[in-house]
């Protein structure tokens, strides 16, 4: 018996930390609290996370996931260089000025390198399942990259038989690839808007139906994240979800997420370590915070 226990313990030690995190989350009380929550929106997000951790996908869902991952694999093999205009914060230690971010930093990069910045399959399926469970009609994404995360959301909307997504990308040649990705996957419920966010975002908000899901994956700068949060609020539906990527990416992003989750207009928040999910609902009682490191 002791030998079996020691053997199992050694196997656990060899498991990657992310596997251990997922196993702990799957069996944890916090996720169960979400899955059985009285609030249907929190319950939907909980079910989405649980489905991904348990790898529970329908045949139709698996079909779309495989198609998108095939496209991702293709892009990761492309060594052609294209012009990249980066209006974001760069690396965590880049310390770009506001002027640099407004004007964009130009470089020539391989498509494969740009594609490698896309959301991983696991996190993309989290988004996919959130869309499947929440059944949004209007979605907006900041940061198309090569169209992987937008494809996951658009595929979920297509399976829901309702809803559209608008995704914004600052870099023109990258946006072209995103459009090709969505077109190749026959996701006509999606559109790509090209240009720096500070020039295109408000027009997208004004032309959208009340936004049910807003995914910010485009500008990893504290002030920018807070600014876009403030700007989107008047255009949200009565029961909306904001998803913010890379909330632990830098001190600035951690600060932005802390400010957002403590904002009185946020009725509940879910911190998944890599992404943060904020629920915006009126007339909700006590604010709730959930932390599930994944």
Protein backbone atom coordinates (compact mmCIF):
# COMPACT_ATOMS: atom_id res chain seq x y z
CA UNK A 1 0.00 0.00 0.00
CA UNK A 2 2.79 2.41 0.96
CA UNK A 3 4.57 1.61 -2.30
CA UNK A 4 1.43 2.49 -4.29
CA UNK A 5 1.03 5.77 -2.41
CA UNK A 6 4.66 6.71 -3.02
CA UNK A 7 4.32 5.81 -6.71
CA UNK A 8 1.17 7.94 -7.08
CA UNK A 9 2.84 10.84 -5.26
CA UNK A 10 5.81 10.68 -7.64
CA UNK A 11 3.43 10.73 -10.61
CA UNK A 12 1.71 13.83 -9.22
CA UNK A 13 5.07 15.58 -8.80
CA UNK A 14 5.87 14.92 -12.45
CA UNK A 15 2.59 16.47 -13.67
CA UNK A 16 2.88 19.94 -15.23
CA UNK A 17 1.72 22.69 -12.89
CA UNK A 18 -1.12 23.64 -15.25
CA UNK A 19 -2.50 20.08 -15.07
CA UNK A 20 -2.43 20.25 -11.29
CA UNK A 21 -4.20 23.62 -11.38
CA UNK A 22 -6.91 22.26 -13.66
CA UNK A 23 -7.38 19.17 -11.53
CA UNK A 24 -7.65 21.27 -8.36
CA UNK A 25 -10.13 23.67 -9.98
CA UNK A 26 -12.27 20.84 -11.35
CA UNK A 27 -12.61 19.32 -7.90
CA UNK A 28 -12.81 22.61 -6.00
CA UNK A 29 -15.70 24.15 -4.10
CA UNK A 30 -15.52 27.53 -5.85
CA UNK A 31 -16.29 26.08 -9.27
CA UNK A 32 -19.16 24.07 -7.80
CA UNK A 33 -20.51 27.27 -6.24
CA UNK A 34 -20.53 28.85 -9.69
CA UNK A 35 -22.09 25.86 -11.44
CA UNK A 36 -24.95 25.78 -8.93
CA UNK A 37 -25.30 29.55 -8.51
CA UNK A 38 -28.75 31.16 -8.45
CA UNK A 39 -27.62 33.80 -10.95
CA UNK A 40 -28.04 32.20 -14.41
CA UNK A 41 -25.16 34.22 -15.89
CA UNK A 42 -22.68 33.15 -13.24
CA UNK A 43 -23.99 29.61 -13.56
CA UNK A 44 -23.45 29.71 -17.33
CA UNK A 45 -19.83 30.84 -16.91
CA UNK A 46 -19.28 28.14 -14.30
CA UNK A 47 -20.67 25.49 -16.62
CA UNK A 48 -18.44 26.75 -19.43
CA UNK A 49 -15.33 26.43 -17.28
CA UNK A 50 -16.40 23.01 -16.03
CA UNK A 51 -17.05 21.71 -19.55
CA UNK A 52 -13.56 22.77 -20.64
CA UNK A 53 -11.87 21.23 -17.62
CA UNK A 54 -13.77 17.99 -18.17
CA UNK A 55 -13.29 18.24 -21.95
CA UNK A 56 -17.00 17.84 -22.56
CA UNK A 57 -17.76 18.91 -26.13
CA UNK A 58 -20.47 17.83 -28.54
CA UNK A 59 -19.63 16.36 -31.94
CA UNK A 60 -20.56 19.63 -33.62
CA UNK A 61 -18.33 21.57 -31.24
CA UNK A 62 -15.40 19.20 -31.78
CA UNK A 63 -15.81 19.58 -35.54
CA UNK A 64 -15.44 23.37 -35.33
CA UNK A 65 -12.59 23.18 -32.83
CA UNK A 66 -10.66 20.84 -35.13
CA UNK A 67 -11.22 23.14 -38.12
CA UNK A 68 -9.96 26.17 -36.22
CA UNK A 69 -6.95 24.32 -34.84
CA UNK A 70 -6.09 23.11 -38.35
CA UNK A 71 -6.08 26.75 -39.48
CA UNK A 72 -3.91 27.68 -36.48
CA UNK A 73 -1.42 24.91 -37.31
CA UNK A 74 -1.24 26.16 -40.90
CA UNK A 75 -0.48 29.73 -39.79
CA UNK A 76 2.17 28.52 -37.34
CA UNK A 77 4.03 27.01 -40.31
CA UNK A 78 4.05 30.20 -42.38
CA UNK A 79 7.47 31.87 -42.41
CA UNK A 80 6.54 34.72 -44.74
CA UNK A 81 7.17 38.11 -43.16
CA UNK A 82 4.48 40.78 -43.11
CA UNK A 83 4.34 44.32 -41.80
CA UNK A 84 3.22 44.48 -38.17
CA UNK A 85 2.04 47.73 -36.65
CA UNK A 86 1.76 47.26 -32.92
CA UNK A 87 -0.37 49.83 -31.10
CA UNK A 88 -0.16 47.89 -27.84
CA UNK A 89 2.09 47.91 -24.80
CA UNK A 90 4.70 45.57 -26.31
CA UNK A 91 6.37 43.34 -23.71
CA UNK A 92 5.72 43.67 -19.96
CA UNK A 93 9.02 45.59 -19.60
CA UNK A 94 8.76 47.66 -22.80
CA UNK A 95 7.54 50.86 -21.07
CA UNK A 96 6.18 52.34 -24.29
CA UNK A 97 4.97 55.91 -24.18
CA UNK A 98 1.40 56.90 -25.03
CA UNK A 99 2.70 58.56 -28.20
CA UNK A 100 4.39 55.32 -29.31
CA UNK A 101 1.21 53.35 -28.67
CA UNK A 102 -0.95 55.91 -30.47
CA UNK A 103 1.31 56.01 -33.52
CA UNK A 104 2.19 52.30 -33.51
CA UNK A 105 5.54 50.53 -33.54
CA UNK A 106 6.40 49.06 -36.96
CA UNK A 107 8.32 45.87 -37.70
CA UNK A 108 8.48 42.96 -40.15
CA UNK A 109 7.51 39.69 -38.48
CA UNK A 110 6.91 36.12 -39.58
CA UNK A 111 3.26 35.08 -39.74
CA UNK A 112 4.17 32.10 -37.57
CA UNK A 113 5.47 34.40 -34.82
CA UNK A 114 2.36 36.58 -34.93
CA UNK A 115 0.10 33.50 -34.87
CA UNK A 116 1.94 32.16 -31.82
CA UNK A 117 0.51 35.10 -29.84
CA UNK A 118 -3.04 33.80 -30.31
CA UNK A 119 -4.98 32.42 -27.37
CA UNK A 120 -4.07 28.80 -26.66
CA UNK A 121 -6.57 26.07 -27.44
CA UNK A 122 -7.59 25.78 -23.79
CA UNK A 123 -8.30 29.48 -23.30
CA UNK A 124 -9.95 29.75 -26.71
CA UNK A 125 -12.31 26.92 -25.79
CA UNK A 126 -13.14 28.73 -22.54
CA UNK A 127 -14.29 31.68 -24.67
CA UNK A 128 -16.09 29.30 -27.01
CA UNK A 129 -18.01 27.66 -24.17
CA UNK A 130 -18.84 31.01 -22.55
CA UNK A 131 -20.46 32.08 -25.82
CA UNK A 132 -22.26 28.74 -26.11
CA UNK A 133 -23.66 29.01 -22.58
CA UNK A 134 -24.49 32.73 -22.46
CA UNK A 135 -26.08 32.82 -25.94
CA UNK A 136 -25.07 36.46 -26.68
CA UNK A 137 -26.45 38.30 -29.68
CA UNK A 138 -23.80 41.00 -29.98
CA UNK A 139 -20.08 40.44 -29.34
CA UNK A 140 -17.12 42.80 -29.71
CA UNK A 141 -13.46 41.77 -29.53
CA UNK A 142 -10.41 44.00 -29.27
CA UNK A 143 -7.36 42.37 -30.85
CA UNK A 144 -8.10 40.01 -33.73
CA UNK A 145 -4.51 38.88 -34.24
CA UNK A 146 -4.82 36.18 -36.95
CA UNK A 147 -8.47 35.47 -36.12
CA UNK A 148 -8.22 32.40 -33.88
CA UNK A 149 -10.13 33.65 -30.84
CA UNK A 150 -12.66 35.45 -33.06
CA UNK A 151 -13.21 32.19 -34.94
CA UNK A 152 -13.90 30.33 -31.71
CA UNK A 153 -16.48 32.93 -30.71
CA UNK A 154 -18.04 33.11 -34.17
CA UNK A 155 -18.22 29.31 -34.36
CA UNK A 156 -20.02 29.24 -31.01
CA UNK A 157 -22.47 31.87 -32.25
CA UNK A 158 -23.07 29.85 -35.41
CA UNK A 159 -23.84 26.75 -33.35
CA UNK A 160 -26.17 28.89 -31.24
CA UNK A 161 -27.95 29.90 -34.48
CA UNK A 162 -27.82 33.56 -33.47
CA UNK A 163 -25.46 36.43 -32.85
CA UNK A 164 -22.66 38.36 -34.56
CA UNK A 165 -19.13 39.34 -33.60
CA UNK A 166 -17.11 42.38 -34.62
CA UNK A 167 -13.38 42.06 -34.02
CA UNK A 168 -10.94 44.98 -34.19
CA UNK A 169 -7.32 44.78 -35.29
CA UNK A 170 -4.91 47.70 -35.52
CA UNK A 171 -2.38 46.16 -37.91
CA UNK A 172 -3.66 46.08 -41.49
CA UNK A 173 -1.77 43.06 -42.81
CA UNK A 174 -2.55 41.06 -39.67
CA UNK A 175 -6.22 42.01 -40.02
CA UNK A 176 -6.17 40.67 -43.58
CA UNK A 177 -5.07 37.27 -42.27
CA UNK A 178 -7.81 37.39 -39.61
CA UNK A 179 -10.39 38.07 -42.31
CA UNK A 180 -9.04 35.15 -44.34
CA UNK A 181 -9.26 32.88 -41.29
CA UNK A 182 -12.91 33.75 -40.68
CA UNK A 183 -13.73 33.48 -44.38
CA UNK A 184 -12.00 30.10 -44.78
CA UNK A 185 -14.03 28.77 -41.87
CA UNK A 186 -17.22 30.14 -43.45
CA UNK A 187 -18.05 32.27 -40.43
CA UNK A 188 -20.12 34.95 -42.12
CA UNK A 189 -21.46 36.15 -38.77
CA UNK A 190 -18.18 37.96 -38.17
CA UNK A 191 -16.46 41.10 -39.42
CA UNK A 192 -13.01 42.63 -38.96
CA UNK A 193 -12.51 46.36 -38.43
CA UNK A 194 -9.02 47.67 -39.25
CA UNK A 195 -7.29 50.53 -37.49
CA UNK A 196 -5.99 51.64 -34.09
CA UNK A 197 -8.62 51.24 -31.39
CA UNK A 198 -8.59 54.89 -30.39
CA UNK A 199 -9.80 55.67 -33.94
CA UNK A 200 -12.23 52.80 -34.57
CA UNK A 201 -13.67 51.66 -31.25
CA UNK A 202 -16.34 54.28 -30.60
CA UNK A 203 -17.78 53.93 -34.10
CA UNK A 204 -18.08 50.16 -33.57
CA UNK A 205 -19.81 50.69 -30.22
CA UNK A 206 -22.26 53.19 -31.70
CA UNK A 207 -23.13 50.91 -34.63
CA UNK A 208 -23.55 47.77 -32.52
CA UNK A 209 -26.67 46.39 -30.93
CA UNK A 210 -26.40 46.46 -27.12
CA UNK A 211 -23.23 44.47 -26.47
CA UNK A 212 -23.65 41.22 -24.54
CA UNK A 213 -20.00 40.12 -24.57
CA UNK A 214 -16.94 42.37 -24.77
CA UNK A 215 -13.53 40.68 -25.00
CA UNK A 216 -10.49 42.93 -24.52
CA UNK A 217 -7.37 41.19 -25.80
CA UNK A 218 -5.83 44.06 -27.67
CA UNK A 219 -4.05 46.60 -25.50
CA UNK A 220 -2.20 45.38 -22.43
CA UNK A 221 -1.78 48.76 -20.79
CA UNK A 222 -3.37 49.73 -17.49
CA UNK A 223 -4.76 53.10 -18.57
CA UNK A 224 -5.99 51.73 -21.91
CA UNK A 225 -7.83 48.82 -20.24
CA UNK A 226 -9.56 51.17 -17.79
CA UNK A 227 -10.35 53.60 -20.61
CA UNK A 228 -11.97 50.92 -22.80
CA UNK A 229 -13.89 49.59 -19.80
CA UNK A 230 -15.36 53.05 -19.19
CA UNK A 231 -16.13 53.58 -22.87
CA UNK A 232 -17.95 50.28 -23.40
CA UNK A 233 -20.23 50.55 -20.34
CA UNK A 234 -22.90 52.79 -21.94
CA UNK A 235 -23.18 50.38 -24.88
CA UNK A 236 -23.61 47.17 -22.90
CA UNK A 237 -26.85 45.23 -22.64
CA UNK A 238 -28.65 44.92 -19.29
CA UNK A 239 -26.89 41.62 -18.58
CA UNK A 240 -23.42 41.82 -20.08
CA UNK A 241 -20.09 40.10 -19.62
CA UNK A 242 -16.67 41.70 -20.04
CA UNK A 243 -13.68 39.38 -20.51
CA UNK A 244 -10.20 40.85 -20.09
CA UNK A 245 -7.17 38.88 -21.19
CA UNK A 246 -3.78 38.66 -19.46
CA UNK A 247 -4.83 40.24 -16.18
CA UNK A 248 -1.64 38.92 -14.55
CA UNK A 249 0.64 39.90 -17.47
CA UNK A 250 2.19 42.95 -15.79
CA UNK A 251 1.82 45.08 -12.64
CA UNK A 252 -0.23 47.52 -14.71
CA UNK A 253 -2.64 44.81 -15.87
CA UNK A 254 -3.00 43.50 -12.32
CA UNK A 255 -3.82 47.01 -11.17
CA UNK A 256 -6.37 47.49 -13.97
CA UNK A 257 -8.13 44.24 -13.13
CA UNK A 258 -8.22 45.09 -9.42
CA UNK A 259 -9.81 48.45 -10.18
CA UNK A 260 -12.39 46.88 -12.50
CA UNK A 261 -13.41 44.05 -10.19
CA UNK A 262 -13.84 46.55 -7.34
CA UNK A 263 -15.88 48.94 -9.47
CA UNK A 264 -19.43 49.28 -8.02
CA UNK A 265 -20.91 48.76 -11.49
CA UNK A 266 -19.43 45.24 -11.61
CA UNK A 267 -21.87 42.90 -9.89
CA UNK A 268 -19.57 39.85 -9.88
CA UNK A 269 -16.07 38.93 -11.03
CA UNK A 270 -14.22 35.72 -11.79
CA UNK A 271 -10.43 35.72 -11.69
CA UNK A 272 -9.00 32.78 -13.65
CA UNK A 273 -5.44 34.10 -13.27
CA UNK A 274 -4.90 34.49 -17.01
CA UNK A 275 -8.24 36.11 -17.81
CA UNK A 276 -10.75 38.07 -15.78
CA UNK A 277 -14.50 37.94 -16.25
CA UNK A 278 -16.70 40.80 -15.05
CA UNK A 279 -20.49 40.61 -14.94
CA UNK A 280 -22.36 43.88 -15.44
CA UNK A 281 -25.92 43.69 -14.12
CA UNK A 282 -28.24 46.27 -12.58
CA UNK A 283 -30.12 45.76 -9.34
CA UNK A 284 -27.91 42.97 -8.04
CA UNK A 285 -27.30 42.74 -4.30
CA UNK A 286 -23.95 41.93 -2.77
CA UNK A 287 -20.92 41.96 -5.07
CA UNK A 288 -19.34 38.52 -5.44
CA UNK A 289 -15.75 37.65 -6.31
CA UNK A 290 -14.56 34.22 -7.40
CA UNK A 291 -10.93 33.19 -7.80
CA UNK A 292 -10.17 30.00 -9.73
CA UNK A 293 -6.49 29.94 -10.84
CA UNK A 294 -6.18 28.04 -14.12
